[in-house]
Protein backbone atom coordinates (compact mmCIF):
# COMPACT_ATOMS: atom_id res chain seq x y z
CA MET A 1 0.30 0.32 -0.35
CA THR A 2 1.55 3.21 -0.93
CA PRO A 3 1.67 6.16 1.96
CA LEU A 4 -1.09 9.02 1.91
CA PRO A 5 -0.10 11.94 1.09
CA ILE A 6 0.74 15.03 3.89
CA PRO A 7 -1.51 17.90 2.76
CA ALA A 8 0.79 21.31 2.84
CA PRO A 9 1.27 23.05 6.91
CA ARG A 10 -1.14 26.24 6.80
CA VAL A 11 2.46 28.30 8.07
CA GLU A 12 5.87 26.73 8.60
CA GLY A 13 9.45 28.36 9.27
CA PHE A 14 12.63 27.87 11.20
CA THR A 15 13.00 29.10 14.91
CA ALA A 16 14.83 32.75 16.00
CA THR A 17 15.86 31.71 19.59
CA THR A 18 16.99 28.40 19.13
CA ALA A 19 20.98 27.83 18.84
CA MET A 20 20.18 27.01 15.42
CA PRO A 21 17.00 26.96 13.35
CA LEU A 22 14.68 24.05 13.49
CA TYR A 23 12.37 23.76 10.93
CA TRP A 24 8.75 23.87 11.96
CA CYS A 25 5.05 24.24 10.86
CA ARG A 26 1.45 24.19 12.04
CA TYR A 27 -1.73 22.85 11.01
CA GLY A 28 -5.24 23.06 12.45
CA SER A 29 -6.70 26.74 12.67
CA ALA A 30 -5.56 29.60 14.83
CA GLY A 31 -7.11 30.11 18.30
CA SER A 32 -7.84 26.60 18.62
CA PRO A 33 -6.27 25.30 21.92
CA ARG A 34 -3.02 24.56 20.49
CA LEU A 35 -0.50 21.35 21.19
CA LEU A 36 3.39 20.95 20.21
CA VAL A 37 3.97 17.59 19.10
CA LEU A 38 7.28 15.81 20.17
CA HIS A 39 8.16 13.05 17.71
CA GLY A 40 9.76 10.19 17.84
CA GLY A 41 13.65 9.57 16.83
CA PRO A 42 15.68 10.24 17.98
CA GLY A 43 17.52 12.29 15.71
CA ALA A 44 14.42 11.66 12.94
CA HIS A 45 11.71 13.86 11.51
CA HIS A 46 8.16 14.90 11.90
CA ASP A 47 6.68 13.49 8.26
CA TYR A 48 5.74 10.54 10.04
CA LEU A 49 2.97 10.72 12.22
CA LEU A 50 1.35 12.67 9.08
CA PRO A 51 -0.81 12.33 8.40
CA HIS A 52 -2.01 10.39 10.54
CA PHE A 53 -1.69 12.84 13.46
CA LEU A 54 -3.70 15.59 11.36
CA ASP A 55 -6.98 13.67 12.69
CA LEU A 56 -6.92 16.25 15.96
CA ALA A 57 -6.24 19.16 13.42
CA ASP A 58 -10.12 20.24 13.30
CA GLU A 59 -10.12 20.68 17.38
CA PHE A 60 -6.28 21.18 18.05
CA GLU A 61 -3.70 23.72 16.25
CA LEU A 62 -0.55 21.08 16.15
CA VAL A 63 2.52 22.24 16.46
CA PHE A 64 5.19 20.67 14.40
CA TYR A 65 9.76 20.70 15.19
CA ASP A 66 12.62 18.17 13.00
CA GLN A 67 14.37 17.65 16.56
CA ARG A 68 17.65 19.21 16.25
CA GLY A 69 20.27 16.66 13.79
CA GLY A 70 16.23 14.75 12.06
CA GLY A 71 14.29 16.12 8.72
CA ARG A 72 15.24 20.20 7.93
CA SER A 73 17.07 20.69 11.29
CA ARG A 74 19.86 18.32 10.22
CA THR A 75 22.91 20.16 10.71
CA ASP A 76 27.45 19.23 10.55
CA ASP A 77 28.36 20.36 13.01
CA PRO A 78 29.72 17.48 14.47
CA ALA A 79 29.62 18.70 18.11
CA ALA A 80 27.59 15.95 19.75
CA ILE A 81 24.03 16.64 20.59
CA THR A 82 22.89 14.67 23.59
CA TRP A 83 19.29 14.59 25.19
CA GLN A 84 20.22 17.94 27.03
CA THR A 85 21.00 19.39 23.92
CA HIS A 86 17.18 18.26 22.98
CA THR A 87 15.71 19.55 26.21
CA ASP A 88 18.40 22.57 25.69
CA ASP A 89 16.56 23.44 22.27
CA LEU A 90 12.58 22.29 23.93
CA GLU A 91 12.43 25.76 25.97
CA ARG A 92 13.01 27.69 23.35
CA VAL A 93 10.04 25.84 20.83
CA ALA A 94 7.93 25.75 23.56
CA ALA A 95 8.34 29.48 24.28
CA GLU A 96 8.96 30.67 20.87
CA LEU A 97 6.15 29.04 20.00
CA VAL A 98 3.26 28.13 22.58
CA PRO A 99 3.23 30.63 25.02
CA GLY A 100 1.49 30.48 27.91
CA PRO A 101 0.71 26.99 29.04
CA LEU A 102 2.05 24.12 27.62
CA THR A 103 0.82 21.12 26.22
CA ILE A 104 2.58 18.39 25.05
CA LEU A 105 2.11 15.42 22.95
CA GLY A 106 5.19 14.06 22.44
CA TYR A 107 5.51 9.67 20.13
CA SER A 108 8.15 7.44 21.57
CA TRP A 109 11.36 9.01 22.25
CA GLY A 110 9.46 12.31 21.98
CA ALA A 111 7.51 11.37 25.18
CA LEU A 112 10.83 10.38 26.98
CA LEU A 113 11.37 13.91 25.62
CA ALA A 114 8.73 15.11 26.84
CA LEU A 115 8.97 14.25 30.28
CA LEU A 116 12.96 14.64 30.22
CA TYR A 117 12.10 18.21 30.35
CA ALA A 118 8.92 17.55 32.46
CA ILE A 119 11.65 16.57 35.51
CA GLU A 120 13.65 19.33 34.50
CA GLY A 121 10.35 22.48 35.21
CA SER A 122 10.24 20.39 38.31
CA ALA A 123 13.15 21.62 40.10
CA GLY A 124 12.55 25.01 38.01
CA THR A 125 15.31 24.57 35.87
CA ARG A 126 12.85 25.29 33.05
CA LEU A 127 11.15 27.52 32.09
CA PRO A 128 7.20 27.05 31.02
CA SER A 129 7.78 23.91 32.45
CA PRO A 130 4.39 21.26 30.63
CA SER A 131 1.13 21.82 32.26
CA ARG A 132 -0.17 18.49 30.32
CA MET A 133 1.19 15.73 28.45
CA ALA A 134 -0.08 12.96 26.29
CA LEU A 135 2.40 9.98 26.16
CA VAL A 136 1.84 7.82 23.33
CA ASP A 137 4.22 4.85 22.61
CA PRO A 138 7.49 5.97 25.65
CA ALA A 139 10.70 5.43 24.51
CA PRO A 140 11.57 3.08 28.35
CA ILE A 141 11.89 5.16 30.89
CA SER A 142 14.84 3.17 32.17
CA ARG A 143 18.28 1.11 30.76
CA ALA A 144 17.01 -1.78 32.20
CA HIS A 145 13.48 -0.94 30.25
CA ARG A 146 15.47 -0.27 27.45
CA ALA A 147 17.45 -3.28 27.13
CA VAL A 148 14.25 -5.47 27.31
CA PHE A 149 13.35 -3.52 24.36
CA GLU A 150 16.25 -4.24 22.74
CA ALA A 151 16.21 -7.71 22.99
CA GLU A 152 12.78 -8.08 21.70
CA PHE A 153 12.63 -6.33 18.75
CA ALA A 154 15.00 -7.97 17.13
CA ARG A 155 13.83 -11.63 18.35
CA ARG A 156 10.56 -9.91 16.31
CA ALA A 157 13.25 -8.66 13.05
CA ALA A 158 14.64 -12.47 13.49
CA ALA A 159 11.01 -14.52 13.10
CA PRO A 160 10.54 -16.64 10.42
CA ALA A 161 7.79 -14.75 8.71
CA ILE A 162 10.10 -10.79 8.73
CA GLN A 163 12.42 -13.66 7.09
CA ALA A 164 10.35 -15.29 4.73
CA MET A 165 9.44 -11.55 3.03
CA ARG A 166 13.26 -10.13 3.77
CA ALA A 167 14.42 -13.53 1.03
CA GLU A 168 11.30 -12.87 -0.90
CA LEU A 169 12.26 -9.74 -1.52
CA ALA A 170 15.66 -10.48 -2.54
CA ALA A 171 14.67 -12.82 -5.39
CA SER A 172 12.20 -10.40 -7.12
CA GLY A 173 14.07 -8.83 -8.24
CA LEU A 174 12.41 -5.44 -7.95
CA ARG A 175 15.51 -2.74 -6.37
CA GLU A 176 16.86 -3.17 -10.19
CA SER A 177 12.76 -3.40 -11.99
CA ASP A 178 11.47 -0.46 -9.88
CA PRO A 179 13.93 1.04 -7.32
CA ALA A 180 11.14 3.59 -5.29
CA ALA A 181 9.15 0.46 -4.95
CA HIS A 182 12.19 -1.53 -3.72
CA LYS A 183 13.46 0.78 -1.11
CA GLN A 184 9.95 1.20 0.58
CA ARG A 185 9.62 -2.46 0.69
CA ALA A 186 12.95 -2.31 2.46
CA PHE A 187 11.66 0.54 4.60
CA GLU A 188 8.32 -1.73 5.78
CA LEU A 189 10.35 -4.77 6.38
CA SER A 190 13.07 -3.00 8.47
CA VAL A 191 10.64 -0.86 10.94
CA ALA A 192 7.79 -4.46 10.71
CA GLY A 193 9.63 -5.12 15.17
CA TYR A 194 7.18 -2.55 15.61
CA PHE A 195 3.47 -4.16 15.12
CA HIS A 196 1.66 -6.01 15.90
CA ASP A 197 0.83 -7.01 12.21
CA PRO A 198 3.69 -6.37 10.45
CA ARG A 199 1.46 -6.07 6.84
CA ARG A 200 1.10 -2.60 8.63
CA ALA A 201 4.08 -0.92 8.04
CA ALA A 202 2.97 -0.83 4.60
CA ASP A 203 0.79 2.00 5.90
CA LEU A 204 3.70 3.60 7.34
CA THR A 205 4.28 6.91 6.16
CA PRO A 206 8.80 6.41 5.32
CA PHE A 207 11.32 8.88 7.84
CA ARG A 208 15.04 8.83 7.86
CA VAL A 209 16.94 8.57 11.26
CA THR A 210 20.35 10.11 11.24
CA GLY A 211 22.29 7.13 13.24
CA ARG A 212 24.94 9.84 14.79
CA VAL A 213 22.47 11.37 16.62
CA GLN A 214 20.92 8.29 17.66
CA THR A 215 23.81 7.30 19.27
CA GLN A 216 24.52 10.49 20.90
CA VAL A 217 21.21 10.39 22.78
CA TRP A 218 21.23 7.89 23.42
CA GLU A 219 24.53 7.15 25.00
CA SER A 220 24.41 10.86 26.54
CA LEU A 221 21.50 8.96 28.67
CA GLY A 222 23.77 6.60 29.88
CA GLU A 223 22.17 3.86 32.24
CA PHE A 224 19.22 5.90 33.02
CA ASN A 225 16.66 5.19 35.02
CA LEU A 226 13.59 8.03 35.04
CA GLY A 227 11.21 6.11 37.89
CA PRO A 228 12.47 8.01 40.81
CA ALA A 229 12.64 11.74 39.03
CA LEU A 230 9.06 11.38 38.07
CA ARG A 231 8.16 11.14 41.41
CA SER A 232 7.54 14.81 40.71
CA VAL A 233 7.15 15.87 38.49
CA THR A 234 3.72 17.50 38.78
CA ALA A 235 2.36 17.86 34.95
CA ASP A 236 -1.82 16.09 34.40
CA THR A 237 -0.51 12.96 31.89
CA LEU A 238 -2.10 10.72 29.94
CA ILE A 239 0.19 7.78 28.69
CA VAL A 240 -1.04 5.81 25.48
CA HIS A 241 0.80 2.01 25.06
CA GLY A 242 -0.52 -1.13 22.72
CA ARG A 243 0.32 -3.84 24.36
CA GLU A 244 1.90 -5.86 21.76
CA ASP A 245 4.10 -3.11 21.53
CA PRO A 246 7.83 -4.12 21.76
CA ILE A 247 8.84 -1.88 24.40
CA PRO A 248 7.49 -3.42 27.75
CA LEU A 249 3.88 -2.12 29.26
CA ALA A 250 6.34 -1.94 32.48
CA SER A 251 7.23 0.09 31.64
CA SER A 252 4.70 2.60 30.62
CA HIS A 253 3.23 0.79 34.06
CA GLU A 254 6.11 2.24 36.45
CA ALA A 255 6.23 5.83 34.45
CA ALA A 256 2.15 5.87 35.09
CA GLN A 257 2.39 5.16 38.65
CA ALA A 258 5.09 7.61 39.52
CA LEU A 259 2.98 10.76 37.46
CA GLY A 260 -0.17 9.13 38.68
CA ALA A 261 -1.05 9.28 35.43
CA ARG A 262 -3.52 6.96 33.43
CA LEU A 263 -2.68 4.91 30.91
CA VAL A 264 -5.07 3.84 28.51
CA VAL A 265 -3.86 0.06 26.73
CA LEU A 266 -4.71 -0.75 23.71
CA ASP A 267 -4.99 -4.22 22.32
CA ASP A 268 -3.68 -5.89 18.55
CA CYS A 269 -1.25 -3.03 18.46
CA GLY A 270 2.89 -2.46 18.90
CA HIS A 271 4.63 0.14 17.96
CA VAL A 272 2.85 2.40 16.28
CA PRO A 273 -1.38 2.83 16.89
CA TYR A 274 -1.65 5.94 14.56
CA VAL A 275 -1.92 2.85 12.06
CA GLU A 276 -2.62 0.27 13.83
CA GLN A 277 -5.43 1.42 16.46
CA PRO A 278 -6.17 4.95 15.61
CA THR A 279 -9.85 5.16 16.71
CA GLY A 280 -9.06 4.39 20.32
CA LEU A 281 -5.87 5.31 19.85
CA PHE A 282 -7.44 9.59 18.87
CA ARG A 283 -10.55 8.62 21.11
CA ALA A 284 -8.75 8.77 23.63
CA LEU A 285 -6.16 11.31 22.92
CA ARG A 286 -9.35 14.01 22.61
CA THR A 287 -10.98 12.72 25.56
CA PHE A 288 -8.05 13.65 28.04
CA LEU A 289 -7.22 17.78 25.71
CA ARG A 290 -10.87 18.50 25.72
CA ASN A 291 -10.83 18.43 29.16
CA ALA A 292 -6.82 19.73 29.23
CA SER A 293 -8.56 22.91 27.47
CA VAL A 294 -12.03 22.56 29.33
CA ASN A 295 -10.22 23.69 32.55
CA ALA A 296 -7.89 25.55 31.18
CA SER A 297 -10.20 27.81 30.11
CA ALA A 298 -12.41 27.80 32.80
CA PRO A 299 -11.77 31.35 35.26
CA ALA A 300 -10.27 30.33 38.14
CA SER A 301 -12.53 29.73 41.57
């Protein structure tokens, strides 16, 4: 299946306050409650959340940006890009593009970035600190949970069904007859392990990860464990997690418990609920975000 086309944003540009210009764009109506959307990776770009996340654009203004080192925010600067680099950028992006109470919608690594930023905000070192967070299949909150994910993803990639699809592609002659189709199929197989149904990988918008950035960010986290620090975060939070995500559900359970957050678990769903279970995902997000918007606009008692 050919990935769905991505509509042009309502407005786009580059940040003026970050250490280097970062690409950003907006979808939805001006004046609607504004969400700052953080894509996964690290080292990826916002496009692969589209067009699916635009399901929310009828009620909310969605602000996306390409995090430093990926997409249209790539850089030739040899300096290492760390998790601290990303939280520094996030602070400036939020202040520049989302003035007022900050609601973050984070996916995968973007959800972990939101948590890292919120931890610093709870310590009074970040402004603005998020008031609300909707986190979709967060990346593991500790190195121990990440080790479980890495082992599970490797197991899935080596599964007979996916290996058979790889062999079929290699024997197809598609590389020579239709290079674009071969590239698309190779991408699908590279991400198939993230899905409950590997065939649904064909519905994901292709993306690229800048390997250098990905490696540097994870190395900068070291033997991380966010669990204890999350207890100090006061942001109203929703976590949504696919039951068959290779990222262990235990990681999101631990995060939800530490945050006092609501956890919604989607059945028959891997790491990409906006492809595999969009109805359940966007229903949960809308319910949470609508309530947040009402509470934000209500007069103080």
